[in-house]
Amino acid sequence: MGVYRDAKKLQSKRAQLAEREYDMAVAKLEDRLAKLGSEPWGHAAATRLAKRLAKYGNELLTFLWHADVLSDNNASERAIRPAVMIRKNSYCNHSDRGALTQSVLMTVFRTLRVLGHQPLATTLNALAAYATTGKMSPTPQAAE
């Protein structure tokens, strides 16, 4: 079965293949995914997965068509790791509201860091401006 494994191999050979040959190979992989999504399965979980493949299968191979799209989500996993570690070290959240508050704060802090800002200082400045003016500051742009 290994469609993803085969897609990764194809991606690594892209520079060595003629455009038409590459396009045909991608089309074959898309056909394999479509077949997996259309076959009847005897297990409920397999049927659910097949349904998702039928609906989103081609999106799984976007990285083959667009060189700037990553084939995995490793960067995303690494980006959320600090928030997960904070949650674990603080013995989790004890309420839905606490979990929501933490997720919002971690999202804001991570976004500010990615944009090149100091998250705590930027947040404190925004709160001070709000306390003075009663208006929310605009979202900071990427630092230059």
C-alpha atoms as a PDB file:
ATOM      1  CA  MET A   1       0.000   0.000   0.000  1.00  0.00           C
ATOM      2  CA  GLY A   2       2.669   2.651   0.992  1.00  0.00           C
ATOM      3  CA  VAL A   3       1.266   5.541  -1.067  1.00  0.00           C
ATOM      4  CA  TYR A   4       2.922   8.150   1.151  1.00  0.00           C
ATOM      5  CA  ARG A   5       6.248   6.283   1.089  1.00  0.00           C
ATOM      6  CA  ASP A   6       6.061   6.116  -2.706  1.00  0.00           C
ATOM      7  CA  ALA A   7       5.137   9.800  -2.871  1.00  0.00           C
ATOM      8  CA  LYS A   8       8.198  10.724  -0.798  1.00  0.00           C
ATOM      9  CA  LYS A   9      10.403   8.649  -3.119  1.00  0.00           C
ATOM     10  CA  LEU A  10       8.883  10.331  -6.149  1.00  0.00           C
ATOM     11  CA  GLN A  11       9.445  13.751  -4.606  1.00  0.00           C
ATOM     12  CA  SER A  12      13.131  12.969  -4.115  1.00  0.00           C
ATOM     13  CA  LYS A  13      13.437  11.992  -7.814  1.00  0.00           C
ATOM     14  CA  ARG A  14      11.554  15.006  -9.183  1.00  0.00           C
ATOM     15  CA  ALA A  15      14.657  16.767 -10.557  1.00  0.00           C
ATOM     16  CA  GLN A  16      15.716  13.628 -12.423  1.00  0.00           C
ATOM     17  CA  LEU A  17      12.396  13.040 -14.212  1.00  0.00           C
ATOM     18  CA  ALA A  18      10.911  14.674 -17.266  1.00  0.00           C
ATOM     19  CA  GLU A  19       7.880  16.833 -16.422  1.00  0.00           C
ATOM     20  CA  ARG A  20       5.453  14.526 -18.215  1.00  0.00           C
ATOM     21  CA  GLU A  21       6.891  11.432 -16.529  1.00  0.00           C
ATOM     22  CA  TYR A  22       6.634  13.098 -13.116  1.00  0.00           C
ATOM     23  CA  ASP A  23       3.051  14.265 -13.741  1.00  0.00           C
ATOM     24  CA  MET A  24       2.024  10.754 -14.776  1.00  0.00           C
ATOM     25  CA  ALA A  25       3.622   9.253 -11.673  1.00  0.00           C
ATOM     26  CA  VAL A  26       1.753  11.721  -9.441  1.00  0.00           C
ATOM     27  CA  ALA A  27      -1.494  10.913 -11.255  1.00  0.00           C
ATOM     28  CA  LYS A  28      -0.936   7.199 -10.560  1.00  0.00           C
ATOM     29  CA  LEU A  29      -0.476   7.924  -6.866  1.00  0.00           C
ATOM     30  CA  GLU A  30      -3.664  10.002  -6.857  1.00  0.00           C
ATOM     31  CA  ASP A  31      -5.471   7.087  -8.519  1.00  0.00           C
ATOM     32  CA  ARG A  32      -4.189   4.727  -5.820  1.00  0.00           C
ATOM     33  CA  LEU A  33      -5.545   7.030  -3.123  1.00  0.00           C
ATOM     34  CA  ALA A  34      -8.873   7.322  -4.941  1.00  0.00           C
ATOM     35  CA  LYS A  35      -9.093   3.524  -5.141  1.00  0.00           C
ATOM     36  CA  LEU A  36      -8.402   3.199  -1.414  1.00  0.00           C
ATOM     37  CA  GLY A  37     -11.138   5.734  -0.782  1.00  0.00           C
ATOM     38  CA  SER A  38     -13.709   3.998  -2.961  1.00  0.00           C
ATOM     39  CA  GLU A  39     -13.244   0.373  -1.915  1.00  0.00           C
ATOM     40  CA  PRO A  40     -15.661  -1.183   0.587  1.00  0.00           C
ATOM     41  CA  TRP A  41     -14.091  -1.980   3.942  1.00  0.00           C
ATOM     42  CA  GLY A  42     -15.358  -4.368   6.602  1.00  0.00           C
ATOM     43  CA  HIS A  43     -14.213  -2.386   9.611  1.00  0.00           C
ATOM     44  CA  ALA A  44     -15.846   0.860  10.785  1.00  0.00           C
ATOM     45  CA  ALA A  45     -12.525   2.671  11.296  1.00  0.00           C
ATOM     46  CA  ALA A  46     -11.296   1.614   7.840  1.00  0.00           C
ATOM     47  CA  THR A  47     -14.573   2.771   6.289  1.00  0.00           C
ATOM     48  CA  ARG A  48     -14.240   6.133   8.051  1.00  0.00           C
ATOM     49  CA  LEU A  49     -10.644   6.499   6.785  1.00  0.00           C
ATOM     50  CA  ALA A  50     -11.709   5.517   3.262  1.00  0.00           C
ATOM     51  CA  LYS A  51     -14.405   8.179   3.356  1.00  0.00           C
ATOM     52  CA  ARG A  52     -11.813  10.813   4.320  1.00  0.00           C
ATOM     53  CA  LEU A  53      -9.471   9.607   1.580  1.00  0.00           C
ATOM     54  CA  ALA A  54     -12.259   9.920  -0.953  1.00  0.00           C
ATOM     55  CA  LYS A  55     -12.924  13.469   0.183  1.00  0.00           C
ATOM     56  CA  TYR A  56      -9.386  14.748   0.894  1.00  0.00           C
ATOM     57  CA  GLY A  57      -7.063  12.237  -0.783  1.00  0.00           C
ATOM     58  CA  ASN A  58      -5.640  14.577  -3.396  1.00  0.00           C
ATOM     59  CA  GLU A  59      -4.789  17.120  -0.717  1.00  0.00           C
ATOM     60  CA  LEU A  60      -2.444  14.576   0.854  1.00  0.00           C
ATOM     61  CA  LEU A  61      -0.241  14.821  -2.221  1.00  0.00           C
ATOM     62  CA  THR A  62      -0.181  18.615  -2.559  1.00  0.00           C
ATOM     63  CA  PHE A  63       3.531  18.561  -1.731  1.00  0.00           C
ATOM     64  CA  LEU A  64       4.176  16.724  -5.006  1.00  0.00           C
ATOM     65  CA  TRP A  65       2.679  19.562  -7.071  1.00  0.00           C
ATOM     66  CA  HIS A  66       4.042  22.510  -5.076  1.00  0.00           C
ATOM     67  CA  ALA A  67       7.705  22.480  -4.078  1.00  0.00           C
ATOM     68  CA  ASP A  68       7.106  25.028  -1.294  1.00  0.00           C
ATOM     69  CA  VAL A  69       4.643  22.736   0.523  1.00  0.00           C
ATOM     70  CA  LEU A  70       6.154  20.417   3.125  1.00  0.00           C
ATOM     71  CA  SER A  71       5.295  16.728   3.032  1.00  0.00           C
ATOM     72  CA  ASP A  72       4.863  16.491   6.795  1.00  0.00           C
ATOM     73  CA  ASN A  73       3.818  18.577   9.773  1.00  0.00           C
ATOM     74  CA  ASN A  74       7.018  18.199  11.799  1.00  0.00           C
ATOM     75  CA  ALA A  75       7.541  21.976  12.017  1.00  0.00           C
ATOM     76  CA  SER A  76       4.010  22.387  13.363  1.00  0.00           C
ATOM     77  CA  GLU A  77       4.570  19.644  15.913  1.00  0.00           C
ATOM     78  CA  ARG A  78       7.770  21.318  17.098  1.00  0.00           C
ATOM     79  CA  ALA A  79       6.000  24.690  17.260  1.00  0.00           C
ATOM     80  CA  ILE A  80       3.340  23.459  19.683  1.00  0.00           C
ATOM     81  CA  ARG A  81       5.734  21.414  21.821  1.00  0.00           C
ATOM     82  CA  PRO A  82       6.493  24.283  24.270  1.00  0.00           C
ATOM     83  CA  ALA A  83       2.778  24.727  24.973  1.00  0.00           C
ATOM     84  CA  VAL A  84       2.385  20.995  25.555  1.00  0.00           C
ATOM     85  CA  MET A  85       5.338  20.984  27.954  1.00  0.00           C
ATOM     86  CA  ILE A  86       3.896  23.943  29.877  1.00  0.00           C
ATOM     87  CA  ARG A  87       0.557  22.162  30.141  1.00  0.00           C
ATOM     88  CA  LYS A  88       2.213  18.965  31.389  1.00  0.00           C
ATOM     89  CA  ASN A  89       4.510  20.746  33.851  1.00  0.00           C
ATOM     90  CA  SER A  90       1.598  22.689  35.324  1.00  0.00           C
ATOM     91  CA  TYR A  91      -0.364  19.455  35.851  1.00  0.00           C
ATOM     92  CA  CYS A  92      -2.766  20.184  33.009  1.00  0.00           C
ATOM     93  CA  ASN A  93      -5.727  22.504  33.060  1.00  0.00           C
ATOM     94  CA  HIS A  94      -8.416  21.896  35.608  1.00  0.00           C
ATOM     95  CA  SER A  95     -11.239  23.496  33.669  1.00  0.00           C
ATOM     96  CA  ASP A  96     -12.407  24.063  30.127  1.00  0.00           C
ATOM     97  CA  ARG A  97     -11.977  27.794  30.641  1.00  0.00           C
ATOM     98  CA  GLY A  98      -8.391  27.301  31.814  1.00  0.00           C
ATOM     99  CA  ALA A  99      -7.626  25.137  28.778  1.00  0.00           C
ATOM    100  CA  LEU A 100      -9.134  27.732  26.435  1.00  0.00           C
ATOM    101  CA  THR A 101      -7.229  30.566  28.121  1.00  0.00           C
ATOM    102  CA  GLN A 102      -3.949  28.693  27.840  1.00  0.00           C
ATOM    103  CA  SER A 103      -4.527  27.783  24.191  1.00  0.00           C
ATOM    104  CA  VAL A 104      -5.305  31.396  23.279  1.00  0.00           C
ATOM    105  CA  LEU A 105      -2.274  32.732  25.154  1.00  0.00           C
ATOM    106  CA  MET A 106       0.054  30.145  23.626  1.00  0.00           C
ATOM    107  CA  THR A 107      -1.275  30.971  20.151  1.00  0.00           C
ATOM    108  CA  VAL A 108      -0.753  34.697  20.690  1.00  0.00           C
ATOM    109  CA  PHE A 109       2.711  34.241  22.189  1.00  0.00           C
ATOM    110  CA  ARG A 110       3.865  31.852  19.472  1.00  0.00           C
ATOM    111  CA  THR A 111       2.540  34.118  16.719  1.00  0.00           C
ATOM    112  CA  LEU A 112       4.314  37.121  18.217  1.00  0.00           C
ATOM    113  CA  ARG A 113       7.557  35.152  18.476  1.00  0.00           C
ATOM    114  CA  VAL A 114       7.286  34.007  14.834  1.00  0.00           C
ATOM    115  CA  LEU A 115       6.705  37.639  13.824  1.00  0.00           C
ATOM    116  CA  GLY A 116       9.930  38.594  15.623  1.00  0.00           C
ATOM    117  CA  HIS A 117       8.442  40.278  18.705  1.00  0.00           C
ATOM    118  CA  GLN A 118       9.004  39.716  22.414  1.00  0.00           C
ATOM    119  CA  PRO A 119       5.681  38.075  23.380  1.00  0.00           C
ATOM    120  CA  LEU A 120       5.480  39.193  27.007  1.00  0.00           C
ATOM    121  CA  ALA A 121       6.575  42.795  26.366  1.00  0.00           C
ATOM    122  CA  THR A 122       4.280  43.131  23.353  1.00  0.00           C
ATOM    123  CA  THR A 123       1.309  41.746  25.289  1.00  0.00           C
ATOM    124  CA  LEU A 124       1.969  44.005  28.293  1.00  0.00           C
ATOM    125  CA  ASN A 125       2.258  47.046  25.996  1.00  0.00           C
ATOM    126  CA  ALA A 126      -1.026  46.121  24.292  1.00  0.00           C
ATOM    127  CA  LEU A 127      -2.762  45.735  27.676  1.00  0.00           C
ATOM    128  CA  ALA A 128      -1.382  49.087  28.881  1.00  0.00           C
ATOM    129  CA  ALA A 129      -2.588  50.780  25.687  1.00  0.00           C
ATOM    130  CA  TYR A 130      -6.021  49.179  26.104  1.00  0.00           C
ATOM    131  CA  ALA A 131      -6.235  50.325  29.727  1.00  0.00           C
ATOM    132  CA  THR A 132      -5.419  53.881  28.629  1.00  0.00           C
ATOM    133  CA  THR A 133      -7.460  54.169  25.424  1.00  0.00           C
ATOM    134  CA  GLY A 134     -10.115  51.485  25.758  1.00  0.00           C
ATOM    135  CA  LYS A 135      -9.201  50.294  22.247  1.00  0.00           C
ATOM    136  CA  MET A 136      -7.383  47.162  21.166  1.00  0.00           C
ATOM    137  CA  SER A 137      -4.031  47.690  19.506  1.00  0.00           C
ATOM    138  CA  PRO A 138      -3.711  46.422  15.953  1.00  0.00           C
ATOM    139  CA  THR A 139      -1.997  43.083  15.482  1.00  0.00           C
ATOM    140  CA  PRO A 140       1.757  43.709  15.240  1.00  0.00           C
ATOM    141  CA  GLN A 141       3.355  43.124  11.874  1.00  0.00           C
ATOM    142  CA  ALA A 142       6.541  41.163  11.332  1.00  0.00           C
ATOM    143  CA  ALA A 143       9.523  42.879  12.957  1.00  0.00           C
ATOM    144  CA  GLU A 144      12.092  44.219  10.530  1.00  0.00           C
END
